[in-house]
């Protein structure tokens, strides 16, 4: 039976002991805007409302960055990633990076 990676925004796991700290792990992706989404976003700026195309784009990007972080933690032999955080930055006009990072650990 495959054990699933534990992830938490906490710095510890209640009821568990951290045996080994394996270092920082991270995963990132860079996404660019899509012309069709830009046109729809321009219209929404006029009338107001959620920019669903961008919400979907960012949701997909966060999930991809998160999964890349998990794979890096697994490669180090971790069974948990603690203190998980997300950040974003503009790489160039129209493209942004989403970064997921945390501390890879072995917990009992």
N, C-alpha and C. Protein backbone atom coordinates (compact mmCIF):
# COMPACT_ATOMS: atom_id res chain seq x y z
N UNK A 1 0.84 -1.18 0.00
CA UNK A 1 0.00 0.00 0.00
C UNK A 1 0.89 1.24 0.00
N UNK A 2 0.64 2.14 -0.94
CA UNK A 2 1.45 3.35 -1.07
C UNK A 2 1.06 4.37 -0.01
N UNK A 3 2.07 4.90 0.66
CA UNK A 3 1.82 5.92 1.68
C UNK A 3 1.75 7.28 1.01
N UNK A 4 0.77 8.07 1.39
CA UNK A 4 0.58 9.39 0.80
C UNK A 4 1.40 10.43 1.56
N UNK A 5 1.95 11.39 0.82
CA UNK A 5 2.73 12.47 1.41
C UNK A 5 1.83 13.34 2.28
N UNK A 6 2.27 13.61 3.50
CA UNK A 6 1.56 14.51 4.39
C UNK A 6 2.06 15.92 4.09
N UNK A 7 1.15 16.86 3.94
CA UNK A 7 1.54 18.26 3.76
C UNK A 7 0.77 19.10 4.77
N UNK A 8 1.46 20.13 5.28
CA UNK A 8 0.83 20.98 6.28
C UNK A 8 1.46 22.37 6.26
N UNK A 9 0.65 23.36 6.61
CA UNK A 9 1.18 24.71 6.76
C UNK A 9 1.78 24.90 8.15
N UNK A 10 1.59 23.91 9.02
CA UNK A 10 2.17 23.98 10.37
C UNK A 10 3.67 23.66 10.33
N UNK A 11 4.38 24.05 11.37
CA UNK A 11 5.81 23.75 11.48
C UNK A 11 6.06 22.41 12.15
N UNK A 12 5.00 21.73 12.54
CA UNK A 12 5.10 20.43 13.22
C UNK A 12 3.85 19.63 12.88
N UNK A 13 3.86 18.36 13.24
CA UNK A 13 2.69 17.51 13.05
C UNK A 13 2.20 17.07 14.42
N UNK A 14 1.04 17.51 14.85
CA UNK A 14 0.52 17.12 16.15
C UNK A 14 0.49 15.59 16.30
N UNK A 15 1.04 15.11 17.40
CA UNK A 15 1.03 13.69 17.70
C UNK A 15 2.09 12.88 16.97
N UNK A 16 2.95 13.54 16.21
CA UNK A 16 4.01 12.84 15.48
C UNK A 16 5.34 13.47 15.81
N UNK A 17 6.39 12.69 15.65
CA UNK A 17 7.75 13.15 15.93
C UNK A 17 8.50 13.30 14.61
N UNK A 18 9.20 14.42 14.47
CA UNK A 18 10.04 14.64 13.30
C UNK A 18 11.37 13.95 13.57
N UNK A 19 11.69 12.96 12.76
CA UNK A 19 12.93 12.20 12.93
C UNK A 19 14.10 12.82 12.16
N UNK A 20 13.81 13.30 10.96
CA UNK A 20 14.87 13.83 10.10
C UNK A 20 14.35 15.01 9.31
N UNK A 21 15.16 16.05 9.26
CA UNK A 21 14.86 17.20 8.40
C UNK A 21 15.71 17.05 7.15
N UNK A 22 15.09 17.01 5.98
CA UNK A 22 15.80 16.76 4.73
C UNK A 22 16.04 18.01 3.90
N UNK A 23 15.64 19.15 4.42
CA UNK A 23 15.89 20.40 3.73
C UNK A 23 14.67 20.97 3.03
N UNK A 24 14.88 22.08 2.39
CA UNK A 24 13.80 22.78 1.69
C UNK A 24 13.53 22.09 0.36
N UNK A 25 12.25 21.97 0.03
CA UNK A 25 11.84 21.47 -1.28
C UNK A 25 10.96 22.52 -1.91
N UNK A 26 10.96 22.54 -3.23
CA UNK A 26 10.16 23.53 -3.92
C UNK A 26 9.72 22.99 -5.27
N UNK A 27 8.67 23.58 -5.77
CA UNK A 27 8.19 23.29 -7.11
C UNK A 27 7.65 24.59 -7.68
N UNK A 28 7.87 24.79 -8.97
CA UNK A 28 7.38 26.04 -9.56
C UNK A 28 6.93 25.80 -10.99
N UNK A 29 6.17 26.74 -11.48
CA UNK A 29 5.76 26.77 -12.87
C UNK A 29 5.60 28.23 -13.29
N UNK A 30 5.87 28.49 -14.54
CA UNK A 30 5.68 29.83 -15.10
C UNK A 30 4.57 29.73 -16.12
N UNK A 31 3.58 30.59 -15.97
CA UNK A 31 2.43 30.58 -16.86
C UNK A 31 2.26 31.95 -17.52
N UNK A 32 1.86 31.90 -18.78
CA UNK A 32 1.61 33.14 -19.54
C UNK A 32 0.10 33.30 -19.74
N UNK A 33 -0.31 34.53 -19.89
CA UNK A 33 -1.71 34.84 -20.19
C UNK A 33 -2.06 34.34 -21.58
N UNK A 34 -3.32 34.10 -21.80
CA UNK A 34 -3.86 33.63 -23.07
C UNK A 34 -4.67 34.77 -23.67
N UNK A 35 -4.53 34.99 -24.96
CA UNK A 35 -5.21 36.11 -25.63
C UNK A 35 -6.71 36.09 -25.39
N UNK A 36 -7.33 34.93 -25.50
CA UNK A 36 -8.77 34.83 -25.26
C UNK A 36 -9.14 35.23 -23.85
N UNK A 37 -8.31 34.83 -22.88
CA UNK A 37 -8.57 35.21 -21.48
C UNK A 37 -8.37 36.71 -21.29
N UNK A 38 -7.41 37.29 -22.01
CA UNK A 38 -7.18 38.73 -21.91
C UNK A 38 -8.38 39.52 -22.41
N UNK A 39 -8.97 39.07 -23.50
CA UNK A 39 -10.14 39.77 -24.04
C UNK A 39 -11.30 39.69 -23.04
N UNK A 40 -11.54 38.48 -22.51
CA UNK A 40 -12.62 38.31 -21.52
C UNK A 40 -12.34 39.14 -20.27
N UNK A 41 -11.07 39.19 -19.84
CA UNK A 41 -10.70 39.97 -18.65
C UNK A 41 -10.93 41.46 -18.90
N UNK A 42 -10.63 41.92 -20.10
CA UNK A 42 -10.86 43.33 -20.44
C UNK A 42 -12.33 43.69 -20.35
N UNK A 43 -13.20 42.79 -20.80
CA UNK A 43 -14.64 43.03 -20.71
C UNK A 43 -15.10 43.03 -19.25
N UNK A 44 -14.56 42.10 -18.45
CA UNK A 44 -14.94 42.03 -17.03
C UNK A 44 -14.48 43.29 -16.29
N UNK A 45 -13.36 43.87 -16.70
CA UNK A 45 -12.89 45.11 -16.08
C UNK A 45 -13.90 46.23 -16.26
N UNK A 46 -14.65 46.18 -17.34
CA UNK A 46 -15.65 47.21 -17.61
C UNK A 46 -16.90 46.99 -16.76
N UNK A 47 -17.39 45.74 -16.72
CA UNK A 47 -18.65 45.45 -16.04
C UNK A 47 -18.46 44.89 -14.62
N UNK A 48 -17.26 44.46 -14.29
CA UNK A 48 -16.99 43.90 -12.97
C UNK A 48 -17.27 42.41 -12.91
N UNK A 49 -16.75 41.77 -11.89
CA UNK A 49 -16.98 40.34 -11.71
C UNK A 49 -15.68 39.56 -11.67
N UNK A 50 -15.81 38.27 -11.37
CA UNK A 50 -14.64 37.39 -11.27
C UNK A 50 -14.06 37.13 -12.65
N UNK A 51 -12.74 37.11 -12.71
CA UNK A 51 -12.04 36.76 -13.95
C UNK A 51 -11.80 35.26 -13.92
N UNK A 52 -12.83 34.48 -14.29
CA UNK A 52 -12.79 33.02 -14.14
C UNK A 52 -11.65 32.38 -14.92
N UNK A 53 -11.33 32.89 -16.08
CA UNK A 53 -10.22 32.33 -16.86
C UNK A 53 -8.92 32.42 -16.10
N UNK A 54 -8.69 33.57 -15.45
CA UNK A 54 -7.47 33.74 -14.67
C UNK A 54 -7.51 32.92 -13.39
N UNK A 55 -8.68 32.81 -12.78
CA UNK A 55 -8.82 31.99 -11.57
C UNK A 55 -8.46 30.54 -11.87
N UNK A 56 -8.95 30.03 -13.00
CA UNK A 56 -8.64 28.66 -13.41
C UNK A 56 -7.15 28.50 -13.71
N UNK A 57 -6.59 29.48 -14.41
CA UNK A 57 -5.16 29.44 -14.74
C UNK A 57 -4.31 29.37 -13.48
N UNK A 58 -4.62 30.20 -12.50
CA UNK A 58 -3.84 30.22 -11.26
C UNK A 58 -4.06 28.96 -10.44
N UNK A 59 -5.26 28.44 -10.43
CA UNK A 59 -5.54 27.20 -9.71
C UNK A 59 -4.73 26.04 -10.29
N UNK A 60 -4.71 25.94 -11.61
CA UNK A 60 -3.93 24.89 -12.28
C UNK A 60 -2.44 25.08 -12.00
N UNK A 61 -1.97 26.30 -12.02
CA UNK A 61 -0.55 26.58 -11.77
C UNK A 61 -0.16 26.22 -10.34
N UNK A 62 -1.02 26.57 -9.36
CA UNK A 62 -0.74 26.21 -7.96
C UNK A 62 -0.65 24.70 -7.80
N UNK A 63 -1.57 23.97 -8.41
CA UNK A 63 -1.57 22.51 -8.30
C UNK A 63 -0.31 21.91 -8.93
N UNK A 64 0.09 22.43 -10.08
CA UNK A 64 1.31 21.93 -10.73
C UNK A 64 2.54 22.19 -9.87
N UNK A 65 2.66 23.40 -9.34
CA UNK A 65 3.80 23.73 -8.47
C UNK A 65 3.80 22.85 -7.22
N UNK A 66 2.62 22.63 -6.64
CA UNK A 66 2.48 21.80 -5.44
C UNK A 66 2.93 20.36 -5.73
N UNK A 67 2.48 19.80 -6.84
CA UNK A 67 2.85 18.42 -7.20
C UNK A 67 4.35 18.30 -7.47
N UNK A 68 4.95 19.30 -8.06
CA UNK A 68 6.41 19.28 -8.28
C UNK A 68 7.16 19.32 -6.95
N UNK A 69 6.65 20.09 -5.99
CA UNK A 69 7.25 20.13 -4.66
C UNK A 69 7.17 18.74 -4.02
N UNK A 70 6.01 18.10 -4.12
CA UNK A 70 5.81 16.76 -3.55
C UNK A 70 6.80 15.77 -4.18
N UNK A 71 6.94 15.81 -5.49
CA UNK A 71 7.88 14.88 -6.16
C UNK A 71 9.31 15.10 -5.68
N UNK A 72 9.70 16.34 -5.45
CA UNK A 72 11.04 16.62 -4.95
C UNK A 72 11.21 16.06 -3.54
N UNK A 73 10.19 16.20 -2.71
CA UNK A 73 10.23 15.66 -1.35
C UNK A 73 10.33 14.14 -1.37
N UNK A 74 9.55 13.50 -2.23
CA UNK A 74 9.61 12.03 -2.36
C UNK A 74 11.00 11.58 -2.78
N UNK A 75 11.61 12.31 -3.72
CA UNK A 75 12.95 11.96 -4.19
C UNK A 75 13.99 12.04 -3.07
N UNK A 76 13.74 12.89 -2.08
CA UNK A 76 14.65 13.01 -0.93
C UNK A 76 14.36 11.98 0.15
N UNK A 77 13.27 11.24 0.01
CA UNK A 77 12.91 10.23 0.99
C UNK A 77 11.99 10.73 2.09
N UNK A 78 11.37 11.88 1.90
CA UNK A 78 10.47 12.45 2.91
C UNK A 78 9.12 11.76 2.87
N UNK A 79 8.43 11.81 4.01
CA UNK A 79 7.04 11.36 4.03
C UNK A 79 6.10 12.51 4.42
N UNK A 80 6.69 13.72 4.59
CA UNK A 80 5.89 14.90 4.92
C UNK A 80 6.61 16.17 4.47
N UNK A 81 5.82 17.18 4.15
CA UNK A 81 6.35 18.52 3.87
C UNK A 81 5.62 19.48 4.79
N UNK A 82 6.39 20.15 5.62
CA UNK A 82 5.82 21.07 6.61
C UNK A 82 6.06 22.51 6.22
N UNK A 83 5.29 23.40 6.86
CA UNK A 83 5.42 24.84 6.65
C UNK A 83 5.28 25.21 5.17
N UNK A 84 4.32 24.56 4.49
CA UNK A 84 4.10 24.77 3.06
C UNK A 84 3.60 26.19 2.80
N UNK A 85 4.19 26.83 1.81
CA UNK A 85 3.82 28.19 1.43
C UNK A 85 3.76 28.29 -0.09
N UNK A 86 3.01 29.27 -0.56
CA UNK A 86 2.94 29.60 -1.99
C UNK A 86 3.32 31.06 -2.15
N UNK A 87 3.97 31.35 -3.26
CA UNK A 87 4.27 32.74 -3.59
C UNK A 87 4.20 32.88 -5.11
N UNK A 88 4.04 34.08 -5.55
CA UNK A 88 4.00 34.36 -6.99
C UNK A 88 4.85 35.58 -7.30
N UNK A 89 5.37 35.61 -8.51
CA UNK A 89 6.13 36.77 -8.94
C UNK A 89 5.98 36.93 -10.45
N UNK A 90 6.12 38.15 -10.89
CA UNK A 90 6.04 38.44 -12.31
C UNK A 90 7.40 38.16 -12.93
N UNK A 91 7.42 37.34 -13.99
CA UNK A 91 8.67 37.02 -14.66
C UNK A 91 8.92 38.01 -15.79
N UNK A 92 7.87 38.28 -16.53
CA UNK A 92 7.90 39.24 -17.62
C UNK A 92 6.48 39.72 -17.82
N UNK A 93 6.27 40.72 -18.63
CA UNK A 93 4.91 41.20 -18.84
C UNK A 93 4.07 40.06 -19.42
N UNK A 94 3.01 39.71 -18.72
CA UNK A 94 2.11 38.67 -19.19
C UNK A 94 2.44 37.27 -18.71
N UNK A 95 3.52 37.10 -17.92
CA UNK A 95 3.87 35.77 -17.41
C UNK A 95 4.25 35.86 -15.93
N UNK A 96 3.76 34.88 -15.17
CA UNK A 96 4.04 34.85 -13.73
C UNK A 96 4.51 33.48 -13.30
N UNK A 97 5.32 33.46 -12.25
CA UNK A 97 5.77 32.21 -11.65
C UNK A 97 4.96 31.96 -10.39
N UNK A 98 4.53 30.72 -10.20
CA UNK A 98 3.92 30.28 -8.95
C UNK A 98 4.92 29.32 -8.32
N UNK A 99 5.25 29.55 -7.07
CA UNK A 99 6.23 28.73 -6.34
C UNK A 99 5.59 28.15 -5.10
N UNK A 100 5.73 26.84 -4.91
CA UNK A 100 5.31 26.16 -3.69
C UNK A 100 6.58 25.67 -3.00
N UNK A 101 6.70 25.88 -1.68
CA UNK A 101 7.90 25.43 -0.99
C UNK A 101 7.57 25.05 0.45
N UNK A 102 8.46 24.25 1.02
CA UNK A 102 8.28 23.82 2.40
C UNK A 102 9.49 23.03 2.86
N UNK A 103 9.40 22.47 4.05
CA UNK A 103 10.47 21.68 4.65
C UNK A 103 10.15 20.20 4.54
N UNK A 104 11.00 19.46 3.86
CA UNK A 104 10.81 18.02 3.72
C UNK A 104 11.33 17.34 5.00
N UNK A 105 10.52 16.43 5.54
CA UNK A 105 10.89 15.74 6.77
C UNK A 105 10.48 14.28 6.70
N UNK A 106 11.08 13.49 7.61
CA UNK A 106 10.62 12.14 7.87
C UNK A 106 9.98 12.20 9.24
N UNK A 107 8.69 11.85 9.29
CA UNK A 107 7.93 11.91 10.54
C UNK A 107 7.47 10.52 10.94
N UNK A 108 7.42 10.28 12.25
CA UNK A 108 6.89 9.01 12.77
C UNK A 108 5.60 9.26 13.50
